[in-house]
């Protein structure tokens, strides 16, 4: 039986691609990877061969195609119940899903003004009032999760879950833009950044040849 294939965009810029990729890498779910360079003349047509939305990521599993980051993660949780991709405790699981959905649908200011750029370094850039408010919201989520669910490890719910994958691109943004955070949030940033899978992603991002101007506005 063929293993699933994950279609992703540029690792330096595609935060949505990172999320399901990290879930699979971190938990040892086997998959093939197909990277399509974004914003080229042929990118849209290439992506449409795999994703009906014309966007990445998409997961191909046999004849099934799933084309949304959080939906892919939910599918993986259903297919691999032994991986513990959501917390086992119902209260923790409900909160993990809530903060994952909040990340999925919100934080537009952070996305617009502090786009993911793994190989960039832009200290202090992008700090609009809306961004500052969203940084405060992110760090409050991290603090509350660590306060309530710190048993069993240094992740948001102790051990690694989908919630950590959803917030991993924010961790990388905080590093790129040198966001100062409280001690709890700082420790969490260091924990995620130290994951071998995250380091592998960033190493590949730095080796990519493409530069997309709209994501390099502070260069």
N, C-alpha and C. Protein backbone atom coordinates (compact mmCIF):
# COMPACT_ATOMS: atom_id res chain seq x y z
N UNK A 1 0.85 -1.20 0.00
CA UNK A 1 0.00 0.00 0.00
C UNK A 1 0.89 1.25 0.00
N UNK A 2 0.63 2.20 -0.91
CA UNK A 2 1.46 3.42 -0.94
C UNK A 2 1.26 4.25 0.31
N UNK A 3 2.33 4.94 0.71
CA UNK A 3 2.22 5.80 1.88
C UNK A 3 1.64 7.15 1.46
N UNK A 4 1.05 7.90 2.38
CA UNK A 4 0.48 9.20 2.02
C UNK A 4 1.55 10.15 1.48
N UNK A 5 1.08 11.10 0.67
CA UNK A 5 1.99 12.11 0.14
C UNK A 5 1.48 13.49 0.54
N UNK A 6 2.37 14.30 1.10
CA UNK A 6 2.03 15.65 1.53
C UNK A 6 2.59 16.64 0.52
N UNK A 7 1.72 17.45 -0.04
CA UNK A 7 2.14 18.48 -0.98
C UNK A 7 2.28 19.77 -0.20
N UNK A 8 3.47 20.36 -0.29
CA UNK A 8 3.77 21.56 0.49
C UNK A 8 4.32 22.66 -0.43
N UNK A 9 4.42 23.87 0.12
CA UNK A 9 5.04 24.98 -0.59
C UNK A 9 6.46 25.19 -0.10
N UNK A 10 6.99 26.37 -0.40
CA UNK A 10 8.34 26.72 0.03
C UNK A 10 8.46 26.62 1.55
N UNK A 11 9.46 25.92 2.02
CA UNK A 11 9.61 25.76 3.47
C UNK A 11 9.97 27.07 4.16
N UNK A 12 10.60 27.97 3.45
CA UNK A 12 10.95 29.24 4.08
C UNK A 12 9.73 30.10 4.40
N UNK A 13 8.67 29.92 3.63
CA UNK A 13 7.54 30.83 3.75
C UNK A 13 6.21 30.16 4.12
N UNK A 14 6.04 28.89 3.81
CA UNK A 14 4.71 28.28 3.90
C UNK A 14 4.44 27.74 5.31
N UNK A 15 3.92 28.61 6.14
CA UNK A 15 3.62 28.23 7.52
C UNK A 15 2.54 27.16 7.58
N UNK A 16 1.57 27.20 6.67
CA UNK A 16 0.50 26.21 6.70
C UNK A 16 1.03 24.84 6.32
N UNK A 17 2.02 24.80 5.43
CA UNK A 17 2.62 23.51 5.08
C UNK A 17 3.36 22.90 6.26
N UNK A 18 4.00 23.76 7.05
CA UNK A 18 4.78 23.26 8.19
C UNK A 18 3.91 22.48 9.18
N UNK A 19 2.69 22.90 9.39
CA UNK A 19 1.89 22.34 10.48
C UNK A 19 1.64 20.83 10.33
N UNK A 20 1.04 20.34 9.25
CA UNK A 20 0.87 18.89 9.15
C UNK A 20 2.19 18.16 8.94
N UNK A 21 3.13 18.79 8.25
CA UNK A 21 4.46 18.19 8.07
C UNK A 21 5.09 17.89 9.43
N UNK A 22 5.01 18.85 10.35
CA UNK A 22 5.59 18.68 11.67
C UNK A 22 4.87 17.59 12.45
N UNK A 23 3.56 17.53 12.35
CA UNK A 23 2.80 16.47 13.02
C UNK A 23 3.32 15.10 12.61
N UNK A 24 3.51 14.91 11.31
CA UNK A 24 3.94 13.60 10.82
C UNK A 24 5.40 13.32 11.16
N UNK A 25 6.26 14.31 10.98
CA UNK A 25 7.68 14.12 11.28
C UNK A 25 7.90 13.86 12.77
N UNK A 26 7.25 14.64 13.60
CA UNK A 26 7.49 14.55 15.04
C UNK A 26 6.98 13.24 15.62
N UNK A 27 5.93 12.69 15.03
CA UNK A 27 5.32 11.48 15.59
C UNK A 27 5.66 10.22 14.79
N UNK A 28 6.50 10.35 13.77
CA UNK A 28 6.95 9.18 13.04
C UNK A 28 5.95 8.59 12.08
N UNK A 29 5.02 9.38 11.60
CA UNK A 29 4.07 8.91 10.58
C UNK A 29 4.77 8.97 9.23
N UNK A 30 4.83 7.85 8.54
CA UNK A 30 5.53 7.80 7.26
C UNK A 30 4.75 8.56 6.19
N UNK A 31 5.48 9.31 5.36
CA UNK A 31 4.85 10.03 4.26
C UNK A 31 5.90 10.43 3.24
N UNK A 32 5.44 10.65 2.03
CA UNK A 32 6.27 11.24 1.00
C UNK A 32 6.00 12.74 0.96
N UNK A 33 6.97 13.49 0.49
CA UNK A 33 6.86 14.94 0.45
C UNK A 33 7.03 15.42 -0.99
N UNK A 34 6.12 16.28 -1.42
CA UNK A 34 6.24 16.92 -2.73
C UNK A 34 6.19 18.42 -2.51
N UNK A 35 7.31 19.09 -2.78
CA UNK A 35 7.39 20.54 -2.62
C UNK A 35 7.16 21.22 -3.96
N UNK A 36 6.25 22.18 -3.97
CA UNK A 36 5.98 22.98 -5.16
C UNK A 36 6.34 24.43 -4.83
N UNK A 37 7.26 24.99 -5.58
CA UNK A 37 7.66 26.38 -5.36
C UNK A 37 6.48 27.30 -5.68
N UNK A 38 6.14 28.15 -4.73
CA UNK A 38 4.97 29.01 -4.86
C UNK A 38 5.28 30.27 -5.67
N UNK A 39 4.22 30.88 -6.21
CA UNK A 39 4.29 32.16 -6.92
C UNK A 39 5.19 32.10 -8.14
N UNK A 40 5.25 30.96 -8.79
CA UNK A 40 5.88 30.86 -10.10
C UNK A 40 4.78 30.82 -11.15
N UNK A 41 5.16 30.92 -12.41
CA UNK A 41 4.15 30.92 -13.48
C UNK A 41 3.35 29.63 -13.53
N UNK A 42 3.97 28.54 -13.13
CA UNK A 42 3.30 27.24 -13.23
C UNK A 42 2.78 26.72 -11.90
N UNK A 43 2.98 27.47 -10.82
CA UNK A 43 2.66 26.96 -9.48
C UNK A 43 1.18 26.60 -9.34
N UNK A 44 0.29 27.48 -9.77
CA UNK A 44 -1.14 27.24 -9.59
C UNK A 44 -1.57 25.96 -10.30
N UNK A 45 -1.11 25.78 -11.54
CA UNK A 45 -1.49 24.60 -12.30
C UNK A 45 -0.92 23.33 -11.65
N UNK A 46 0.30 23.41 -11.16
CA UNK A 46 0.91 22.25 -10.51
C UNK A 46 0.14 21.88 -9.24
N UNK A 47 -0.21 22.89 -8.44
CA UNK A 47 -0.93 22.62 -7.19
C UNK A 47 -2.31 22.04 -7.47
N UNK A 48 -2.98 22.56 -8.51
CA UNK A 48 -4.32 22.08 -8.84
C UNK A 48 -4.33 20.61 -9.24
N UNK A 49 -3.21 20.07 -9.63
CA UNK A 49 -3.14 18.64 -9.93
C UNK A 49 -3.31 17.80 -8.66
N UNK A 50 -3.09 18.42 -7.52
CA UNK A 50 -3.11 17.70 -6.25
C UNK A 50 -4.15 18.24 -5.27
N UNK A 51 -4.49 19.52 -5.38
CA UNK A 51 -5.36 20.16 -4.39
C UNK A 51 -6.48 20.90 -5.10
N UNK A 52 -7.74 20.54 -4.85
CA UNK A 52 -8.85 21.20 -5.55
C UNK A 52 -9.00 22.68 -5.20
N UNK A 53 -8.44 23.10 -4.07
CA UNK A 53 -8.51 24.51 -3.69
C UNK A 53 -7.43 25.34 -4.38
N UNK A 54 -6.45 24.67 -4.98
CA UNK A 54 -5.33 25.38 -5.58
C UNK A 54 -4.35 25.92 -4.56
N UNK A 55 -4.43 25.39 -3.33
CA UNK A 55 -3.56 25.85 -2.26
C UNK A 55 -2.88 24.66 -1.60
N UNK A 56 -1.78 24.96 -0.94
CA UNK A 56 -1.08 23.94 -0.14
C UNK A 56 -1.25 24.29 1.34
N UNK A 57 -1.12 23.25 2.19
CA UNK A 57 -0.80 21.86 1.90
C UNK A 57 -2.01 21.07 1.46
N UNK A 58 -1.71 19.90 0.92
CA UNK A 58 -2.74 18.90 0.64
C UNK A 58 -2.13 17.54 0.95
N UNK A 59 -2.95 16.64 1.44
CA UNK A 59 -2.51 15.28 1.73
C UNK A 59 -3.24 14.33 0.81
N UNK A 60 -2.47 13.53 0.07
CA UNK A 60 -3.02 12.48 -0.76
C UNK A 60 -2.81 11.15 -0.06
N UNK A 61 -3.90 10.45 0.20
CA UNK A 61 -3.82 9.13 0.83
C UNK A 61 -4.67 8.19 -0.02
N UNK A 62 -4.02 7.48 -0.93
CA UNK A 62 -4.77 6.71 -1.90
C UNK A 62 -5.55 7.66 -2.79
N UNK A 63 -6.85 7.42 -2.92
CA UNK A 63 -7.68 8.29 -3.75
C UNK A 63 -8.24 9.48 -2.97
N UNK A 64 -8.00 9.49 -1.67
CA UNK A 64 -8.50 10.58 -0.83
C UNK A 64 -7.54 11.76 -0.85
N UNK A 65 -8.10 12.95 -0.97
CA UNK A 65 -7.32 14.19 -0.90
C UNK A 65 -7.91 15.08 0.19
N UNK A 66 -7.06 15.60 1.05
CA UNK A 66 -7.48 16.53 2.10
C UNK A 66 -6.64 17.79 1.91
N UNK A 67 -7.28 18.96 1.88
CA UNK A 67 -6.56 20.15 1.43
C UNK A 67 -6.63 21.33 2.41
N UNK A 68 -6.60 21.03 3.67
CA UNK A 68 -6.58 22.07 4.70
C UNK A 68 -5.69 21.59 5.84
N UNK A 69 -4.86 22.49 6.38
CA UNK A 69 -3.89 22.07 7.40
C UNK A 69 -4.54 21.40 8.60
N UNK A 70 -5.54 22.05 9.18
CA UNK A 70 -6.15 21.50 10.38
C UNK A 70 -6.95 20.23 10.06
N UNK A 71 -7.60 20.21 8.90
CA UNK A 71 -8.32 19.00 8.49
C UNK A 71 -7.36 17.83 8.30
N UNK A 72 -6.18 18.10 7.74
CA UNK A 72 -5.17 17.05 7.59
C UNK A 72 -4.76 16.52 8.96
N UNK A 73 -4.53 17.43 9.88
CA UNK A 73 -4.13 17.01 11.24
C UNK A 73 -5.21 16.19 11.91
N UNK A 74 -6.46 16.59 11.75
CA UNK A 74 -7.57 15.82 12.32
C UNK A 74 -7.64 14.43 11.69
N UNK A 75 -7.44 14.36 10.39
CA UNK A 75 -7.44 13.07 9.71
C UNK A 75 -6.33 12.18 10.24
N UNK A 76 -5.16 12.74 10.42
CA UNK A 76 -4.03 11.97 10.95
C UNK A 76 -4.33 11.46 12.36
N UNK A 77 -4.99 12.30 13.17
CA UNK A 77 -5.35 11.88 14.53
C UNK A 77 -6.31 10.69 14.50
N UNK A 78 -7.24 10.70 13.54
CA UNK A 78 -8.19 9.60 13.42
C UNK A 78 -7.52 8.32 12.91
N UNK A 79 -6.59 8.48 11.97
CA UNK A 79 -5.92 7.31 11.38
C UNK A 79 -4.86 6.70 12.30
N UNK A 80 -4.34 7.51 13.21
CA UNK A 80 -3.25 7.07 14.08
C UNK A 80 -3.58 7.36 15.55
N UNK A 81 -4.61 6.71 16.09
CA UNK A 81 -5.02 7.02 17.47
C UNK A 81 -3.93 6.75 18.49
N UNK A 82 -3.02 5.84 18.19
CA UNK A 82 -1.96 5.54 19.14
C UNK A 82 -0.88 6.61 19.23
N UNK A 83 -0.90 7.57 18.31
CA UNK A 83 0.11 8.63 18.34
C UNK A 83 -0.22 9.74 19.34
N UNK A 84 -1.44 9.75 19.85
CA UNK A 84 -1.81 10.76 20.84
C UNK A 84 -1.74 12.18 20.32
N UNK A 85 -2.26 12.41 19.12
CA UNK A 85 -2.12 13.73 18.52
C UNK A 85 -3.00 14.79 19.19
N UNK A 86 -4.01 14.36 19.91
CA UNK A 86 -4.76 15.24 20.80
C UNK A 86 -4.59 14.74 22.23
N UNK A 87 -4.69 15.60 23.23
CA UNK A 87 -4.61 15.14 24.61
C UNK A 87 -5.69 14.11 24.92
N UNK A 88 -5.38 13.18 25.77
CA UNK A 88 -6.34 12.14 26.13
C UNK A 88 -7.44 12.68 27.03
N UNK A 89 -7.09 13.56 27.95
CA UNK A 89 -8.08 14.13 28.87
C UNK A 89 -9.08 14.99 28.10
N UNK A 90 -10.39 14.80 28.31
CA UNK A 90 -11.39 15.55 27.53
C UNK A 90 -11.29 17.06 27.68
N UNK A 91 -11.00 17.55 28.90
CA UNK A 91 -10.87 18.98 29.10
C UNK A 91 -9.68 19.53 28.33
N UNK A 92 -8.53 18.87 28.48
CA UNK A 92 -7.34 19.31 27.76
C UNK A 92 -7.56 19.22 26.26
N UNK A 93 -8.22 18.15 25.81
CA UNK A 93 -8.46 17.97 24.37
C UNK A 93 -9.35 19.09 23.82
N UNK A 94 -10.37 19.47 24.57
CA UNK A 94 -11.26 20.54 24.13
C UNK A 94 -10.51 21.86 24.02
N UNK A 95 -9.65 22.14 24.98
CA UNK A 95 -8.88 23.38 24.95
C UNK A 95 -7.85 23.34 23.82
N UNK A 96 -7.22 22.18 23.61
CA UNK A 96 -6.26 22.05 22.51
C UNK A 96 -6.93 22.31 21.17
N UNK A 97 -8.13 21.79 21.00
CA UNK A 97 -8.86 22.02 19.75
C UNK A 97 -9.26 23.49 19.63
N UNK A 98 -9.63 24.10 20.74
CA UNK A 98 -10.05 25.50 20.70
C UNK A 98 -8.89 26.42 20.31
N UNK A 99 -7.73 26.22 20.92
CA UNK A 99 -6.61 27.10 20.59
C UNK A 99 -6.07 26.81 19.19
N UNK A 100 -6.20 25.57 18.73
CA UNK A 100 -5.80 25.24 17.36
C UNK A 100 -6.73 25.92 16.35
N UNK A 101 -8.03 25.88 16.63
CA UNK A 101 -8.99 26.55 15.75
C UNK A 101 -8.80 28.06 15.77
N UNK A 102 -8.46 28.60 16.94
CA UNK A 102 -8.21 30.04 17.03
C UNK A 102 -7.01 30.43 16.16
N UNK A 103 -5.96 29.63 16.19
CA UNK A 103 -4.82 29.89 15.33
C UNK A 103 -5.19 29.74 13.86
N UNK A 104 -6.01 28.76 13.56
CA UNK A 104 -6.40 28.47 12.18
C UNK A 104 -7.16 29.63 11.57
N UNK A 105 -7.98 30.31 12.36
CA UNK A 105 -8.87 31.33 11.81
C UNK A 105 -8.47 32.76 12.15
N UNK A 106 -7.52 32.94 13.07
CA UNK A 106 -7.23 34.28 13.55
C UNK A 106 -5.81 34.76 13.31
N UNK A 107 -5.43 35.78 14.07
CA UNK A 107 -4.08 36.34 14.06
C UNK A 107 -3.69 36.90 12.69
N UNK A 108 -4.64 37.61 12.07
CA UNK A 108 -4.42 38.16 10.73
C UNK A 108 -3.32 39.22 10.73
N UNK A 109 -3.19 39.96 11.80
CA UNK A 109 -2.16 41.01 11.85
C UNK A 109 -0.76 40.40 11.87
N UNK A 110 -0.59 39.36 12.67
CA UNK A 110 0.70 38.66 12.69
C UNK A 110 1.03 38.10 11.32
N UNK A 111 0.06 37.50 10.67
CA UNK A 111 0.30 36.90 9.36
C UNK A 111 0.72 37.97 8.35
N UNK A 112 0.06 39.11 8.39
CA UNK A 112 0.30 40.15 7.38
C UNK A 112 1.60 40.90 7.61
N UNK A 113 1.92 41.17 8.86
CA UNK A 113 3.05 42.05 9.16
C UNK A 113 4.31 41.31 9.60
N UNK A 114 4.19 40.04 9.98
CA UNK A 114 5.35 39.25 10.39
C UNK A 114 5.26 37.88 9.72
N UNK A 115 5.34 37.88 8.40
CA UNK A 115 5.23 36.63 7.66
C UNK A 115 6.38 35.70 8.00
N UNK A 116 6.14 34.39 7.88
CA UNK A 116 7.18 33.43 8.23
C UNK A 116 8.33 33.54 7.24
N UNK A 117 9.53 33.60 7.77
CA UNK A 117 10.74 33.67 6.95
C UNK A 117 11.86 33.07 7.78
N UNK A 118 12.08 31.77 7.61
CA UNK A 118 13.01 31.04 8.48
C UNK A 118 14.44 31.52 8.36
N UNK A 119 14.82 32.02 7.18
CA UNK A 119 16.21 32.43 6.99
C UNK A 119 16.41 33.94 7.19
N UNK A 120 15.35 34.65 7.53
CA UNK A 120 15.46 36.09 7.75
C UNK A 120 15.74 36.44 9.19
N UNK A 121 16.13 37.68 9.41
CA UNK A 121 16.32 38.23 10.75
C UNK A 121 15.91 39.69 10.71
N UNK A 122 14.74 39.99 11.30
CA UNK A 122 14.17 41.33 11.22
C UNK A 122 13.75 41.82 12.61
N UNK A 123 14.71 42.01 13.50
CA UNK A 123 14.36 42.40 14.88
C UNK A 123 13.54 43.68 14.91
N UNK A 124 12.42 43.61 15.63
CA UNK A 124 11.61 44.80 15.86
C UNK A 124 10.67 45.18 14.74
N UNK A 125 10.75 44.51 13.60
CA UNK A 125 9.90 44.87 12.47
C UNK A 125 8.48 44.34 12.66
N UNK A 126 7.54 45.04 12.03
CA UNK A 126 6.16 44.57 11.98
C UNK A 126 5.33 44.80 13.22
N UNK A 127 5.80 45.63 14.14
CA UNK A 127 5.10 45.78 15.42
C UNK A 127 3.99 46.82 15.35
N UNK A 128 2.96 46.54 14.59
CA UNK A 128 1.79 47.39 14.60
C UNK A 128 1.02 47.16 15.90
N UNK A 129 0.11 48.08 16.27
CA UNK A 129 -0.70 47.84 17.48
C UNK A 129 -1.46 46.52 17.41
N UNK A 130 -1.98 46.18 16.24
CA UNK A 130 -2.69 44.91 16.11
C UNK A 130 -1.79 43.72 16.32
N UNK A 131 -0.56 43.79 15.83
CA UNK A 131 0.40 42.70 16.02
C UNK A 131 0.75 42.55 17.49
N UNK A 132 0.99 43.68 18.15
CA UNK A 132 1.34 43.63 19.58
C UNK A 132 0.23 42.96 20.38
N UNK A 133 -1.02 43.30 20.06
CA UNK A 133 -2.16 42.69 20.77
C UNK A 133 -2.21 41.19 20.51
N UNK A 134 -1.90 40.77 19.29
CA UNK A 134 -1.95 39.34 18.98
C UNK A 134 -0.78 38.60 19.60
N UNK A 135 0.38 39.23 19.69
CA UNK A 135 1.51 38.63 20.41
C UNK A 135 1.12 38.38 21.86
N UNK A 136 0.45 39.35 22.46
CA UNK A 136 0.02 39.19 23.85
C UNK A 136 -0.98 38.05 23.98
N UNK A 137 -1.86 37.91 23.00
CA UNK A 137 -2.84 36.82 23.04
C UNK A 137 -2.14 35.47 22.92
N UNK A 138 -1.19 35.35 22.00
CA UNK A 138 -0.45 34.10 21.84
C UNK A 138 0.27 33.72 23.13
N UNK A 139 0.98 34.65 23.70
CA UNK A 139 1.75 34.32 24.90
C UNK A 139 0.84 34.03 26.09
N UNK A 140 -0.35 34.64 26.11
CA UNK A 140 -1.28 34.31 27.19
C UNK A 140 -1.81 32.88 27.03
N UNK A 141 -2.04 32.45 25.79
CA UNK A 141 -2.45 31.07 25.53
C UNK A 141 -1.36 30.12 26.01
N UNK A 142 -0.13 30.40 25.63
CA UNK A 142 0.98 29.53 26.03
C UNK A 142 1.11 29.46 27.55
N UNK A 143 1.02 30.60 28.20
CA UNK A 143 1.15 30.62 29.66
C UNK A 143 0.03 29.83 30.32
N UNK A 144 -1.18 30.00 29.84
CA UNK A 144 -2.31 29.30 30.46
C UNK A 144 -2.19 27.79 30.25
N UNK A 145 -1.83 27.38 29.06
CA UNK A 145 -1.68 25.94 28.81
C UNK A 145 -0.56 25.34 29.65
N UNK A 146 0.56 26.03 29.73
CA UNK A 146 1.67 25.51 30.52
C UNK A 146 1.31 25.48 32.01
N UNK A 147 0.53 26.46 32.46
CA UNK A 147 0.13 26.48 33.87
C UNK A 147 -0.78 25.31 34.20
N UNK A 148 -1.69 25.00 33.29
CA UNK A 148 -2.70 23.99 33.58
C UNK A 148 -2.28 22.57 33.22
N UNK A 149 -1.42 22.46 32.20
CA UNK A 149 -1.16 21.12 31.64
C UNK A 149 0.33 20.82 31.51
N UNK A 150 1.12 21.29 32.45
CA UNK A 150 2.57 21.15 32.30
C UNK A 150 3.09 19.77 32.71
N UNK A 151 2.25 18.94 33.30
CA UNK A 151 2.71 17.61 33.70
C UNK A 151 3.03 16.77 32.47
N UNK A 152 4.14 16.09 32.52
CA UNK A 152 4.46 15.15 31.46
C UNK A 152 5.34 15.68 30.36
N UNK A 153 5.77 16.93 30.44
CA UNK A 153 6.66 17.44 29.41
C UNK A 153 6.55 18.93 29.21
N UNK A 154 7.37 19.49 28.30
CA UNK A 154 7.46 20.94 28.14
C UNK A 154 6.57 21.52 27.05
N UNK A 155 5.71 20.71 26.45
CA UNK A 155 4.83 21.21 25.39
C UNK A 155 3.58 21.86 26.00
N UNK A 156 2.73 22.38 25.15
CA UNK A 156 1.55 23.09 25.65
C UNK A 156 0.68 22.21 26.53
N UNK A 157 0.61 20.92 26.20
CA UNK A 157 -0.19 19.98 26.99
C UNK A 157 0.69 18.86 27.53
N UNK A 158 1.90 19.20 27.84
CA UNK A 158 2.86 18.23 28.37
C UNK A 158 3.66 17.59 27.25
N UNK A 159 3.03 16.67 26.53
CA UNK A 159 3.68 16.04 25.38
C UNK A 159 3.20 16.71 24.10
N UNK A 160 3.88 16.42 23.00
CA UNK A 160 3.58 17.03 21.70
C UNK A 160 2.18 16.66 21.23
N UNK A 161 1.44 17.67 20.75
CA UNK A 161 0.12 17.46 20.15
C UNK A 161 -0.01 18.34 18.92
N UNK A 162 -1.14 18.22 18.26
CA UNK A 162 -1.44 19.07 17.11
C UNK A 162 -1.37 20.54 17.48
N UNK A 163 -1.74 20.88 18.70
CA UNK A 163 -1.70 22.28 19.13
C UNK A 163 -0.28 22.85 19.00
N UNK A 164 0.72 22.07 19.34
CA UNK A 164 2.10 22.55 19.22
C UNK A 164 2.46 22.77 17.75
N UNK A 165 2.00 21.89 16.88
CA UNK A 165 2.26 22.07 15.45
C UNK A 165 1.57 23.32 14.92
N UNK A 166 0.38 23.60 15.42
CA UNK A 166 -0.33 24.80 14.96
C UNK A 166 0.39 26.09 15.35
N UNK A 167 1.07 26.07 16.49
CA UNK A 167 1.76 27.27 16.96
C UNK A 167 3.24 27.31 16.59
N UNK A 168 3.76 26.25 15.99
CA UNK A 168 5.18 26.22 15.63
C UNK A 168 5.58 27.35 14.68
N UNK A 169 4.76 27.70 13.66
CA UNK A 169 5.15 28.82 12.81
C UNK A 169 5.22 30.16 13.55
N UNK A 170 4.42 30.30 14.60
CA UNK A 170 4.51 31.52 15.41
C UNK A 170 5.83 31.54 16.17
N UNK A 171 6.25 30.39 16.66
CA UNK A 171 7.56 30.29 17.31
C UNK A 171 8.65 30.77 16.35
N UNK A 172 8.60 30.31 15.11
CA UNK A 172 9.62 30.70 14.14
C UNK A 172 9.53 32.19 13.82
N UNK A 173 8.34 32.74 13.78
CA UNK A 173 8.20 34.18 13.59
C UNK A 173 8.82 34.95 14.78
N UNK A 174 8.55 34.48 15.97
CA UNK A 174 9.10 35.17 17.14
C UNK A 174 10.63 35.19 17.09
N UNK A 175 11.22 34.13 16.58
CA UNK A 175 12.68 34.09 16.44
C UNK A 175 13.15 35.06 15.36
N UNK A 176 12.50 35.02 14.21
CA UNK A 176 12.88 35.88 13.09
C UNK A 176 12.78 37.36 13.44
N UNK A 177 11.72 37.73 14.16
CA UNK A 177 11.47 39.14 14.47
C UNK A 177 11.92 39.52 15.88
N UNK A 178 12.64 38.61 16.55
CA UNK A 178 13.22 38.85 17.87
C UNK A 178 12.18 39.41 18.84
N UNK A 179 11.06 38.70 18.95
CA UNK A 179 9.99 39.11 19.87
C UNK A 179 10.40 38.76 21.29
N UNK A 180 10.38 39.75 22.16
CA UNK A 180 10.68 39.52 23.57
C UNK A 180 9.43 38.99 24.26
N UNK A 181 9.61 37.93 25.02
CA UNK A 181 8.48 37.29 25.69
C UNK A 181 8.81 37.03 27.15
N UNK A 182 7.79 36.68 27.92
CA UNK A 182 7.96 36.35 29.33
C UNK A 182 8.70 35.02 29.46
N UNK A 183 9.16 34.66 30.64
CA UNK A 183 9.96 33.44 30.80
C UNK A 183 9.27 32.16 30.34
N UNK A 184 7.97 32.02 30.62
CA UNK A 184 7.26 30.80 30.20
C UNK A 184 7.21 30.70 28.68
N UNK A 185 6.85 31.79 28.02
CA UNK A 185 6.79 31.78 26.56
C UNK A 185 8.17 31.60 25.94
N UNK A 186 9.17 32.21 26.54
CA UNK A 186 10.54 32.07 26.04
C UNK A 186 11.00 30.61 26.11
N UNK A 187 10.68 29.95 27.21
CA UNK A 187 11.04 28.54 27.36
C UNK A 187 10.33 27.68 26.31
N UNK A 188 9.08 28.02 26.03
CA UNK A 188 8.33 27.26 25.03
C UNK A 188 8.92 27.46 23.63
N UNK A 189 9.28 28.70 23.31
CA UNK A 189 9.92 28.98 22.02
C UNK A 189 11.18 28.13 21.86
N UNK A 190 11.98 28.07 22.89
CA UNK A 190 13.22 27.29 22.83
C UNK A 190 12.94 25.80 22.69
N UNK A 191 11.90 25.32 23.35
CA UNK A 191 11.54 23.90 23.26
C UNK A 191 11.15 23.52 21.83
N UNK A 192 10.28 24.31 21.22
CA UNK A 192 9.84 24.01 19.85
C UNK A 192 10.99 24.17 18.87
N UNK A 193 11.77 25.22 19.01
CA UNK A 193 12.89 25.47 18.09
C UNK A 193 13.93 24.36 18.15
N UNK A 194 14.03 23.69 19.29
CA UNK A 194 15.04 22.64 19.47
C UNK A 194 14.60 21.29 18.93
N UNK A 195 13.34 21.13 18.55
CA UNK A 195 12.88 19.85 18.03
C UNK A 195 13.66 19.51 16.76
N UNK A 196 14.18 18.30 16.64
CA UNK A 196 14.91 17.92 15.42
C UNK A 196 14.10 18.14 14.14
N UNK A 197 12.80 17.88 14.20
CA UNK A 197 11.97 18.07 13.01
C UNK A 197 11.92 19.55 12.62
N UNK A 198 11.81 20.43 13.58
CA UNK A 198 11.79 21.87 13.29
C UNK A 198 13.14 22.31 12.74
N UNK A 199 14.21 21.80 13.31
CA UNK A 199 15.53 22.14 12.80
C UNK A 199 15.72 21.63 11.37
N UNK A 200 15.21 20.44 11.09
CA UNK A 200 15.29 19.90 9.73
C UNK A 200 14.54 20.80 8.75
N UNK A 201 13.34 21.23 9.13
CA UNK A 201 12.55 22.12 8.28
C UNK A 201 13.32 23.41 8.01
N UNK A 202 13.87 24.02 9.05
CA UNK A 202 14.57 25.29 8.90
C UNK A 202 15.84 25.14 8.07
N UNK A 203 16.55 24.03 8.23
CA UNK A 203 17.74 23.79 7.42
C UNK A 203 17.37 23.71 5.94
N UNK A 204 16.28 23.03 5.64
CA UNK A 204 15.82 22.94 4.26
C UNK A 204 15.37 24.31 3.74
N UNK A 205 14.72 25.09 4.60
CA UNK A 205 14.27 26.42 4.21
C UNK A 205 15.44 27.31 3.82
N UNK A 206 16.51 27.23 4.61
CA UNK A 206 17.68 28.07 4.32
C UNK A 206 18.37 27.67 3.03
N UNK A 207 18.19 26.43 2.61
CA UNK A 207 18.84 25.94 1.40
C UNK A 207 18.01 26.20 0.14
N UNK A 208 16.79 26.67 0.30
CA UNK A 208 15.95 26.91 -0.87
C UNK A 208 16.48 28.09 -1.69
N UNK A 209 16.41 27.99 -3.01
CA UNK A 209 16.94 29.08 -3.84
C UNK A 209 15.95 30.22 -4.06
N UNK A 210 14.65 29.97 -3.85
CA UNK A 210 13.66 30.97 -4.21
C UNK A 210 13.60 32.12 -3.19
N UNK A 211 13.30 33.29 -3.70
CA UNK A 211 13.02 34.45 -2.85
C UNK A 211 11.73 35.09 -3.35
N UNK A 212 10.74 35.16 -2.48
CA UNK A 212 9.43 35.68 -2.85
C UNK A 212 9.30 37.12 -2.31
N UNK A 213 9.26 38.12 -3.19
CA UNK A 213 9.35 39.52 -2.75
C UNK A 213 8.33 39.93 -1.70
N UNK A 214 7.09 39.48 -1.80
CA UNK A 214 6.08 39.94 -0.84
C UNK A 214 6.34 39.44 0.57
N UNK A 215 7.19 38.43 0.71
CA UNK A 215 7.55 37.93 2.03
C UNK A 215 8.93 38.39 2.47
N UNK A 216 9.50 39.31 1.70
CA UNK A 216 10.84 39.82 2.00
C UNK A 216 10.82 41.34 2.12
N UNK A 217 9.70 41.89 2.60
CA UNK A 217 9.55 43.35 2.58
C UNK A 217 10.48 44.06 3.57
N UNK A 218 11.05 43.35 4.52
CA UNK A 218 11.98 43.98 5.47
C UNK A 218 13.45 43.71 5.12
N UNK A 219 13.67 43.01 4.01
CA UNK A 219 15.05 42.68 3.63
C UNK A 219 15.76 43.90 3.04
